[in-house]
């Protein structure tokens, strides 16, 4: 059985190949978030719906129930940086 970390990492990777593709896929799925808020990231909203637990997205990790840390790759980090810089206005709640 795969660990939460592996499943979360796969779910994030499945969002898209580039930060822009990730933004488009999140937008198409109806996810929005709050810039600069770890608990308001659209990636976290997506994972929260998928796994059914509170998820906070930080600059290079996600935390579920404040227990698990999942380190993700550069494309997710770039998406988060761009989102927090308000580059994906359609995703801002």
PDB file of N, CA and C in Angstrom:
ATOM      1  N   UNK A   1       0.837  -1.183   0.000  1.00  0.00           N
ATOM      2  CA  UNK A   1       0.000   0.000   0.000  1.00  0.00           C
ATOM      3  C   UNK A   1       0.884   1.250   0.000  1.00  0.00           C
ATOM      4  N   UNK A   2       0.504   2.224  -0.818  1.00  0.00           N
ATOM      5  CA  UNK A   2       1.282   3.451  -0.914  1.00  0.00           C
ATOM      6  C   UNK A   2       1.033   4.337   0.301  1.00  0.00           C
ATOM      7  N   UNK A   3       2.066   5.049   0.695  1.00  0.00           N
ATOM      8  CA  UNK A   3       1.960   5.977   1.818  1.00  0.00           C
ATOM      9  C   UNK A   3       1.211   7.240   1.395  1.00  0.00           C
ATOM     10  N   UNK A   4       0.750   7.995   2.382  1.00  0.00           N
ATOM     11  CA  UNK A   4       0.096   9.269   2.099  1.00  0.00           C
ATOM     12  C   UNK A   4       1.031  10.157   1.296  1.00  0.00           C
ATOM     13  N   UNK A   5       2.311  10.214   1.665  1.00  0.00           N
ATOM     14  CA  UNK A   5       3.281  11.051   0.958  1.00  0.00           C
ATOM     15  C   UNK A   5       3.336  10.706  -0.523  1.00  0.00           C
ATOM     16  N   UNK A   6       3.423   9.422  -0.815  1.00  0.00           N
ATOM     17  CA  UNK A   6       3.504   9.000  -2.210  1.00  0.00           C
ATOM     18  C   UNK A   6       2.221   9.339  -2.963  1.00  0.00           C
ATOM     19  N   UNK A   7       1.076   9.112  -2.340  1.00  0.00           N
ATOM     20  CA  UNK A   7      -0.206   9.418  -2.985  1.00  0.00           C
ATOM     21  C   UNK A   7      -0.379  10.915  -3.207  1.00  0.00           C
ATOM     22  N   UNK A   8      -0.004  11.716  -2.218  1.00  0.00           N
ATOM     23  CA  UNK A   8      -0.115  13.171  -2.350  1.00  0.00           C
ATOM     24  C   UNK A   8       0.816  13.691  -3.430  1.00  0.00           C
ATOM     25  N   UNK A   9       2.035  13.196  -3.453  1.00  0.00           N
ATOM     26  CA  UNK A   9       3.002  13.614  -4.473  1.00  0.00           C
ATOM     27  C   UNK A   9       2.482  13.262  -5.869  1.00  0.00           C
ATOM     28  N   UNK A  10       1.919  12.068  -6.012  1.00  0.00           N
ATOM     29  CA  UNK A  10       1.370  11.663  -7.308  1.00  0.00           C
ATOM     30  C   UNK A  10       0.201  12.556  -7.702  1.00  0.00           C
ATOM     31  N   UNK A  11      -0.676  12.856  -6.754  1.00  0.00           N
ATOM     32  CA  UNK A  11      -1.822  13.725  -7.041  1.00  0.00           C
ATOM     33  C   UNK A  11      -1.351  15.102  -7.494  1.00  0.00           C
ATOM     34  N   UNK A  12      -0.318  15.637  -6.850  1.00  0.00           N
ATOM     35  CA  UNK A  12       0.226  16.928  -7.258  1.00  0.00           C
ATOM     36  C   UNK A  12       0.846  16.840  -8.641  1.00  0.00           C
ATOM     37  N   UNK A  13       1.601  15.786  -8.907  1.00  0.00           N
ATOM     38  CA  UNK A  13       2.217  15.621 -10.224  1.00  0.00           C
ATOM     39  C   UNK A  13       1.169  15.494 -11.320  1.00  0.00           C
ATOM     40  N   UNK A  14       0.032  14.897 -10.997  1.00  0.00           N
ATOM     41  CA  UNK A  14      -1.035  14.713 -11.980  1.00  0.00           C
ATOM     42  C   UNK A  14      -1.747  16.016 -12.343  1.00  0.00           C
ATOM     43  N   UNK A  15      -1.486  17.082 -11.604  1.00  0.00           N
ATOM     44  CA  UNK A  15      -2.143  18.359 -11.890  1.00  0.00           C
ATOM     45  C   UNK A  15      -1.656  18.993 -13.185  1.00  0.00           C
ATOM     46  N   UNK A  16      -0.460  18.649 -13.634  1.00  0.00           N
ATOM     47  CA  UNK A  16       0.040  19.221 -14.882  1.00  0.00           C
ATOM     48  C   UNK A  16       1.550  19.191 -14.968  1.00  0.00           C
ATOM     49  N   UNK A  17       2.049  19.467 -16.168  1.00  0.00           N
ATOM     50  CA  UNK A  17       3.487  19.393 -16.432  1.00  0.00           C
ATOM     51  C   UNK A  17       4.210  20.715 -16.180  1.00  0.00           C
ATOM     52  N   UNK A  18       3.459  21.815 -16.154  1.00  0.00           N
ATOM     53  CA  UNK A  18       4.055  23.142 -15.939  1.00  0.00           C
ATOM     54  C   UNK A  18       3.182  23.905 -14.944  1.00  0.00           C
ATOM     55  N   UNK A  19       3.716  24.967 -14.353  1.00  0.00           N
ATOM     56  CA  UNK A  19       2.889  25.771 -13.443  1.00  0.00           C
ATOM     57  C   UNK A  19       1.627  26.312 -14.125  1.00  0.00           C
ATOM     58  N   UNK A  20       1.751  26.700 -15.390  1.00  0.00           N
ATOM     59  CA  UNK A  20       0.604  27.241 -16.117  1.00  0.00           C
ATOM     60  C   UNK A  20      -0.453  26.162 -16.363  1.00  0.00           C
ATOM     61  N   UNK A  21      -0.008  24.953 -16.688  1.00  0.00           N
ATOM     62  CA  UNK A  21      -0.950  23.850 -16.883  1.00  0.00           C
ATOM     63  C   UNK A  21      -1.636  23.494 -15.567  1.00  0.00           C
ATOM     64  N   UNK A  22      -0.893  23.524 -14.486  1.00  0.00           N
ATOM     65  CA  UNK A  22      -1.470  23.273 -13.161  1.00  0.00           C
ATOM     66  C   UNK A  22      -2.558  24.304 -12.881  1.00  0.00           C
ATOM     67  N   UNK A  23      -2.264  25.575 -13.159  1.00  0.00           N
ATOM     68  CA  UNK A  23      -3.244  26.642 -12.938  1.00  0.00           C
ATOM     69  C   UNK A  23      -4.500  26.409 -13.771  1.00  0.00           C
ATOM     70  N   UNK A  24      -4.331  26.042 -15.036  1.00  0.00           N
ATOM     71  CA  UNK A  24      -5.483  25.791 -15.903  1.00  0.00           C
ATOM     72  C   UNK A  24      -6.316  24.614 -15.410  1.00  0.00           C
ATOM     73  N   UNK A  25      -5.648  23.553 -14.977  1.00  0.00           N
ATOM     74  CA  UNK A  25      -6.380  22.381 -14.486  1.00  0.00           C
ATOM     75  C   UNK A  25      -7.120  22.672 -13.191  1.00  0.00           C
ATOM     76  N   UNK A  26      -6.496  23.428 -12.291  1.00  0.00           N
ATOM     77  CA  UNK A  26      -7.175  23.805 -11.051  1.00  0.00           C
ATOM     78  C   UNK A  26      -8.356  24.721 -11.343  1.00  0.00           C
ATOM     79  N   UNK A  27      -8.164  25.660 -12.261  1.00  0.00           N
ATOM     80  CA  UNK A  27      -9.248  26.564 -12.651  1.00  0.00           C
ATOM     81  C   UNK A  27     -10.405  25.765 -13.249  1.00  0.00           C
ATOM     82  N   UNK A  28     -10.088  24.844 -14.159  1.00  0.00           N
ATOM     83  CA  UNK A  28     -11.118  24.029 -14.796  1.00  0.00           C
ATOM     84  C   UNK A  28     -11.896  23.174 -13.807  1.00  0.00           C
ATOM     85  N   UNK A  29     -11.247  22.788 -12.722  1.00  0.00           N
ATOM     86  CA  UNK A  29     -11.904  21.976 -11.693  1.00  0.00           C
ATOM     87  C   UNK A  29     -12.640  22.836 -10.665  1.00  0.00           C
ATOM     88  N   UNK A  30     -12.514  24.161 -10.792  1.00  0.00           N
ATOM     89  CA  UNK A  30     -13.247  25.058  -9.903  1.00  0.00           C
ATOM     90  C   UNK A  30     -12.565  25.385  -8.589  1.00  0.00           C
ATOM     91  N   UNK A  31     -11.275  25.097  -8.471  1.00  0.00           N
ATOM     92  CA  UNK A  31     -10.568  25.393  -7.224  1.00  0.00           C
ATOM     93  C   UNK A  31     -10.071  26.824  -7.222  1.00  0.00           C
ATOM     94  N   UNK A  32     -10.240  27.484  -6.080  1.00  0.00           N
ATOM     95  CA  UNK A  32      -9.740  28.837  -5.872  1.00  0.00           C
ATOM     96  C   UNK A  32      -9.085  28.888  -4.507  1.00  0.00           C
ATOM     97  N   UNK A  33      -8.307  29.915  -4.277  1.00  0.00           N
ATOM     98  CA  UNK A  33      -7.636  30.006  -2.996  1.00  0.00           C
ATOM     99  C   UNK A  33      -7.310  31.425  -2.603  1.00  0.00           C
ATOM    100  N   UNK A  34      -6.594  31.536  -1.500  1.00  0.00           N
ATOM    101  CA  UNK A  34      -6.202  32.818  -0.924  1.00  0.00           C
ATOM    102  C   UNK A  34      -4.686  32.899  -0.972  1.00  0.00           C
ATOM    103  N   UNK A  35      -4.169  33.931  -1.623  1.00  0.00           N
ATOM    104  CA  UNK A  35      -2.719  34.070  -1.730  1.00  0.00           C
ATOM    105  C   UNK A  35      -2.088  34.275  -0.359  1.00  0.00           C
ATOM    106  N   UNK A  36      -0.898  33.692  -0.190  1.00  0.00           N
ATOM    107  CA  UNK A  36      -0.139  33.858   1.043  1.00  0.00           C
ATOM    108  C   UNK A  36      -0.681  33.092   2.240  1.00  0.00           C
ATOM    109  N   UNK A  37      -1.710  32.287   2.051  1.00  0.00           N
ATOM    110  CA  UNK A  37      -2.325  31.531   3.139  1.00  0.00           C
ATOM    111  C   UNK A  37      -2.083  30.042   2.908  1.00  0.00           C
ATOM    112  N   UNK A  38      -1.260  29.385   3.730  1.00  0.00           N
ATOM    113  CA  UNK A  38      -0.968  27.968   3.513  1.00  0.00           C
ATOM    114  C   UNK A  38      -2.209  27.081   3.465  1.00  0.00           C
ATOM    115  N   UNK A  39      -3.261  27.466   4.166  1.00  0.00           N
ATOM    116  CA  UNK A  39      -4.485  26.659   4.192  1.00  0.00           C
ATOM    117  C   UNK A  39      -5.450  27.075   3.093  1.00  0.00           C
ATOM    118  N   UNK A  40      -5.072  28.091   2.296  1.00  0.00           N
ATOM    119  CA  UNK A  40      -5.951  28.582   1.245  1.00  0.00           C
ATOM    120  C   UNK A  40      -5.442  28.355  -0.166  1.00  0.00           C
ATOM    121  N   UNK A  41      -4.377  27.600  -0.337  1.00  0.00           N
ATOM    122  CA  UNK A  41      -3.809  27.342  -1.657  1.00  0.00           C
ATOM    123  C   UNK A  41      -4.743  26.454  -2.484  1.00  0.00           C
ATOM    124  N   UNK A  42      -4.928  26.750  -3.778  1.00  0.00           N
ATOM    125  CA  UNK A  42      -5.763  25.885  -4.611  1.00  0.00           C
ATOM    126  C   UNK A  42      -5.256  24.442  -4.680  1.00  0.00           C
ATOM    127  N   UNK A  43      -3.940  24.237  -4.626  1.00  0.00           N
ATOM    128  CA  UNK A  43      -3.407  22.859  -4.590  1.00  0.00           C
ATOM    129  C   UNK A  43      -3.889  22.157  -3.326  1.00  0.00           C
ATOM    130  N   UNK A  44      -3.866  22.865  -2.224  1.00  0.00           N
ATOM    131  CA  UNK A  44      -4.348  22.308  -0.962  1.00  0.00           C
ATOM    132  C   UNK A  44      -5.838  22.025  -1.013  1.00  0.00           C
ATOM    133  N   UNK A  45      -6.592  22.923  -1.652  1.00  0.00           N
ATOM    134  CA  UNK A  45      -8.037  22.709  -1.788  1.00  0.00           C
ATOM    135  C   UNK A  45      -8.301  21.423  -2.571  1.00  0.00           C
ATOM    136  N   UNK A  46      -7.548  21.235  -3.642  1.00  0.00           N
ATOM    137  CA  UNK A  46      -7.690  20.034  -4.465  1.00  0.00           C
ATOM    138  C   UNK A  46      -7.354  18.776  -3.660  1.00  0.00           C
ATOM    139  N   UNK A  47      -6.229  18.816  -2.966  1.00  0.00           N
ATOM    140  CA  UNK A  47      -5.827  17.656  -2.162  1.00  0.00           C
ATOM    141  C   UNK A  47      -6.801  17.408  -1.009  1.00  0.00           C
ATOM    142  N   UNK A  48      -7.305  18.479  -0.430  1.00  0.00           N
ATOM    143  CA  UNK A  48      -8.278  18.357   0.667  1.00  0.00           C
ATOM    144  C   UNK A  48      -9.520  17.621   0.179  1.00  0.00           C
ATOM    145  N   UNK A  49      -9.980  17.956  -1.017  1.00  0.00           N
ATOM    146  CA  UNK A  49     -11.150  17.266  -1.569  1.00  0.00           C
ATOM    147  C   UNK A  49     -10.815  15.803  -1.875  1.00  0.00           C
ATOM    148  N   UNK A  50      -9.629  15.570  -2.376  1.00  0.00           N
ATOM    149  CA  UNK A  50      -9.210  14.211  -2.750  1.00  0.00           C
ATOM    150  C   UNK A  50      -9.030  13.295  -1.540  1.00  0.00           C
ATOM    151  N   UNK A  51      -8.384  13.806  -0.481  1.00  0.00           N
ATOM    152  CA  UNK A  51      -8.050  12.973   0.678  1.00  0.00           C
ATOM    153  C   UNK A  51      -8.994  13.148   1.863  1.00  0.00           C
ATOM    154  N   UNK A  52      -9.762  14.227   1.877  1.00  0.00           N
ATOM    155  CA  UNK A  52     -10.725  14.424   2.949  1.00  0.00           C
ATOM    156  C   UNK A  52     -10.132  14.841   4.288  1.00  0.00           C
ATOM    157  N   UNK A  53      -8.933  15.435   4.264  1.00  0.00           N
ATOM    158  CA  UNK A  53      -8.306  15.914   5.501  1.00  0.00           C
ATOM    159  C   UNK A  53      -7.801  17.339   5.280  1.00  0.00           C
ATOM    160  N   UNK A  54      -7.706  18.140   6.342  1.00  0.00           N
ATOM    161  CA  UNK A  54      -7.151  19.478   6.210  1.00  0.00           C
ATOM    162  C   UNK A  54      -5.698  19.416   5.724  1.00  0.00           C
ATOM    163  N   UNK A  55      -5.389  20.228   4.713  1.00  0.00           N
ATOM    164  CA  UNK A  55      -4.044  20.232   4.140  1.00  0.00           C
ATOM    165  C   UNK A  55      -3.575  21.662   3.986  1.00  0.00           C
ATOM    166  N   UNK A  56      -2.392  21.939   4.515  1.00  0.00           N
ATOM    167  CA  UNK A  56      -1.757  23.239   4.366  1.00  0.00           C
ATOM    168  C   UNK A  56      -0.592  23.132   3.400  1.00  0.00           C
ATOM    169  N   UNK A  57      -0.496  24.091   2.501  1.00  0.00           N
ATOM    170  CA  UNK A  57       0.583  24.102   1.514  1.00  0.00           C
ATOM    171  C   UNK A  57       1.535  25.233   1.874  1.00  0.00           C
ATOM    172  N   UNK A  58       2.758  24.857   2.136  1.00  0.00           N
ATOM    173  CA  UNK A  58       3.798  25.823   2.500  1.00  0.00           C
ATOM    174  C   UNK A  58       4.750  25.980   1.320  1.00  0.00           C
ATOM    175  N   UNK A  59       5.797  26.739   1.446  1.00  0.00           N
ATOM    176  CA  UNK A  59       6.667  27.053   0.311  1.00  0.00           C
ATOM    177  C   UNK A  59       7.275  25.835  -0.361  1.00  0.00           C
ATOM    178  N   UNK A  60       7.544  24.773   0.359  1.00  0.00           N
ATOM    179  CA  UNK A  60       8.112  23.582  -0.290  1.00  0.00           C
ATOM    180  C   UNK A  60       7.537  22.276   0.251  1.00  0.00           C
ATOM    181  N   UNK A  61       6.530  22.358   1.109  1.00  0.00           N
ATOM    182  CA  UNK A  61       5.926  21.149   1.671  1.00  0.00           C
ATOM    183  C   UNK A  61       4.417  21.317   1.804  1.00  0.00           C
ATOM    184  N   UNK A  62       3.752  20.180   1.942  1.00  0.00           N
ATOM    185  CA  UNK A  62       2.357  20.221   2.370  1.00  0.00           C
ATOM    186  C   UNK A  62       2.278  19.465   3.681  1.00  0.00           C
ATOM    187  N   UNK A  63       1.306  19.843   4.484  1.00  0.00           N
ATOM    188  CA  UNK A  63       1.078  19.163   5.755  1.00  0.00           C
ATOM    189  C   UNK A  63      -0.386  18.764   5.825  1.00  0.00           C
ATOM    190  N   UNK A  64      -0.595  17.512   6.205  1.00  0.00           N
ATOM    191  CA  UNK A  64      -1.957  17.013   6.390  1.00  0.00           C
ATOM    192  C   UNK A  64      -2.139  16.740   7.867  1.00  0.00           C
ATOM    193  N   UNK A  65      -3.193  17.316   8.435  1.00  0.00           N
ATOM    194  CA  UNK A  65      -3.453  17.158   9.875  1.00  0.00           C
ATOM    195  C   UNK A  65      -2.242  17.554  10.706  1.00  0.00           C
ATOM    196  N   UNK A  66      -1.430  18.447  10.200  1.00  0.00           N
ATOM    197  CA  UNK A  66      -0.217  18.927  10.883  1.00  0.00           C
ATOM    198  C   UNK A  66       0.743  17.801  11.251  1.00  0.00           C
ATOM    199  N   UNK A  67       0.658  16.676  10.575  1.00  0.00           N
ATOM    200  CA  UNK A  67       1.516  15.548  10.903  1.00  0.00           C
ATOM    201  C   UNK A  67       2.463  15.155   9.781  1.00  0.00           C
ATOM    202  N   UNK A  68       2.013  15.192   8.565  1.00  0.00           N
ATOM    203  CA  UNK A  68       2.802  14.692   7.457  1.00  0.00           C
ATOM    204  C   UNK A  68       3.417  15.846   6.673  1.00  0.00           C
ATOM    205  N   UNK A  69       4.632  15.695   6.274  1.00  0.00           N
ATOM    206  CA  UNK A  69       5.252  16.654   5.372  1.00  0.00           C
ATOM    207  C   UNK A  69       5.554  15.936   4.072  1.00  0.00           C
ATOM    208  N   UNK A  70       5.124  16.503   2.978  1.00  0.00           N
ATOM    209  CA  UNK A  70       5.375  15.957   1.654  1.00  0.00           C
ATOM    210  C   UNK A  70       6.152  17.008   0.879  1.00  0.00           C
ATOM    211  N   UNK A  71       7.328  16.668   0.465  1.00  0.00           N
ATOM    212  CA  UNK A  71       8.138  17.596  -0.316  1.00  0.00           C
ATOM    213  C   UNK A  71       7.802  17.393  -1.779  1.00  0.00           C
ATOM    214  N   UNK A  72       7.517  18.490  -2.467  1.00  0.00           N
ATOM    215  CA  UNK A  72       7.115  18.367  -3.860  1.00  0.00           C
ATOM    216  C   UNK A  72       8.155  18.999  -4.767  1.00  0.00           C
ATOM    217  N   UNK A  73       7.996  18.766  -6.055  1.00  0.00           N
ATOM    218  CA  UNK A  73       8.975  19.191  -7.047  1.00  0.00           C
ATOM    219  C   UNK A  73       8.886  20.653  -7.437  1.00  0.00           C
ATOM    220  N   UNK A  74       9.781  21.050  -8.329  1.00  0.00           N
ATOM    221  CA  UNK A  74       9.894  22.454  -8.717  1.00  0.00           C
ATOM    222  C   UNK A  74       8.677  23.017  -9.434  1.00  0.00           C
ATOM    223  N   UNK A  75       7.939  22.201 -10.181  1.00  0.00           N
ATOM    224  CA  UNK A  75       6.787  22.772 -10.898  1.00  0.00           C
ATOM    225  C   UNK A  75       5.686  23.197  -9.926  1.00  0.00           C
ATOM    226  N   UNK A  76       5.481  22.427  -8.849  1.00  0.00           N
ATOM    227  CA  UNK A  76       4.484  22.804  -7.849  1.00  0.00           C
ATOM    228  C   UNK A  76       4.970  24.026  -7.076  1.00  0.00           C
ATOM    229  N   UNK A  77       6.238  24.036  -6.727  1.00  0.00           N
ATOM    230  CA  UNK A  77       6.808  25.188  -6.023  1.00  0.00           C
ATOM    231  C   UNK A  77       6.656  26.449  -6.879  1.00  0.00           C
ATOM    232  N   UNK A  78       6.935  26.338  -8.190  1.00  0.00           N
ATOM    233  CA  UNK A  78       6.795  27.490  -9.091  1.00  0.00           C
ATOM    234  C   UNK A  78       5.333  27.935  -9.166  1.00  0.00           C
ATOM    235  N   UNK A  79       4.394  26.972  -9.212  1.00  0.00           N
ATOM    236  CA  UNK A  79       2.983  27.340  -9.221  1.00  0.00           C
ATOM    237  C   UNK A  79       2.632  28.131  -7.969  1.00  0.00           C
ATOM    238  N   UNK A  80       3.051  27.636  -6.810  1.00  0.00           N
ATOM    239  CA  UNK A  80       2.734  28.301  -5.543  1.00  0.00           C
ATOM    240  C   UNK A  80       3.333  29.701  -5.502  1.00  0.00           C
ATOM    241  N   UNK A  81       4.580  29.831  -5.940  1.00  0.00           N
ATOM    242  CA  UNK A  81       5.231  31.147  -5.990  1.00  0.00           C
ATOM    243  C   UNK A  81       4.444  32.087  -6.887  1.00  0.00           C
ATOM    244  N   UNK A  82       4.056  31.611  -8.072  1.00  0.00           N
ATOM    245  CA  UNK A  82       3.282  32.433  -9.002  1.00  0.00           C
ATOM    246  C   UNK A  82       1.904  32.769  -8.451  1.00  0.00           C
ATOM    247  N   UNK A  83       1.258  31.800  -7.820  1.00  0.00           N
ATOM    248  CA  UNK A  83      -0.063  32.050  -7.237  1.00  0.00           C
ATOM    249  C   UNK A  83       0.030  33.120  -6.152  1.00  0.00           C
ATOM    250  N   UNK A  84       0.998  32.972  -5.259  1.00  0.00           N
ATOM    251  CA  UNK A  84       1.159  33.951  -4.176  1.00  0.00           C
ATOM    252  C   UNK A  84       1.533  35.333  -4.706  1.00  0.00           C
ATOM    253  N   UNK A  85       2.148  35.371  -5.900  1.00  0.00           N
ATOM    254  CA  UNK A  85       2.473  36.653  -6.543  1.00  0.00           C
ATOM    255  C   UNK A  85       1.275  37.183  -7.356  1.00  0.00           C
ATOM    256  N   UNK A  86       0.136  36.508  -7.248  1.00  0.00           N
ATOM    257  CA  UNK A  86      -1.121  36.902  -7.872  1.00  0.00           C
ATOM    258  C   UNK A  86      -1.081  36.820  -9.404  1.00  0.00           C
ATOM    259  N   UNK A  87      -0.318  35.878  -9.938  1.00  0.00           N
ATOM    260  CA  UNK A  87      -0.220  35.724 -11.399  1.00  0.00           C
ATOM    261  C   UNK A  87      -1.376  34.936 -11.998  1.00  0.00           C
ATOM    262  N   UNK A  88      -2.116  34.218 -11.170  1.00  0.00           N
ATOM    263  CA  UNK A  88      -3.257  33.436 -11.660  1.00  0.00           C
ATOM    264  C   UNK A  88      -4.521  34.002 -11.028  1.00  0.00           C
ATOM    265  N   UNK A  89      -4.934  35.159 -11.513  1.00  0.00           N
ATOM    266  CA  UNK A  89      -6.050  35.891 -10.911  1.00  0.00           C
ATOM    267  C   UNK A  89      -7.353  35.086 -10.883  1.00  0.00           C
ATOM    268  N   UNK A  90      -7.551  34.227 -11.872  1.00  0.00           N
ATOM    269  CA  UNK A  90      -8.783  33.429 -11.920  1.00  0.00           C
ATOM    270  C   UNK A  90      -8.863  32.418 -10.788  1.00  0.00           C
ATOM    271  N   UNK A  91      -7.738  32.166 -10.115  1.00  0.00           N
ATOM    272  CA  UNK A  91      -7.715  31.202  -9.019  1.00  0.00           C
ATOM    273  C   UNK A  91      -7.835  31.850  -7.640  1.00  0.00           C
ATOM    274  N   UNK A  92      -7.873  33.165  -7.609  1.00  0.00           N
ATOM    275  CA  UNK A  92      -7.931  33.865  -6.327  1.00  0.00           C
ATOM    276  C   UNK A  92      -9.394  34.009  -5.891  1.00  0.00           C
ATOM    277  N   UNK A  93      -9.665  33.524  -4.684  1.00  0.00           N
ATOM    278  CA  UNK A  93     -11.031  33.580  -4.142  1.00  0.00           C
ATOM    279  C   UNK A  93     -11.380  34.989  -3.713  1.00  0.00           C
TER     280      UNK A  93
END
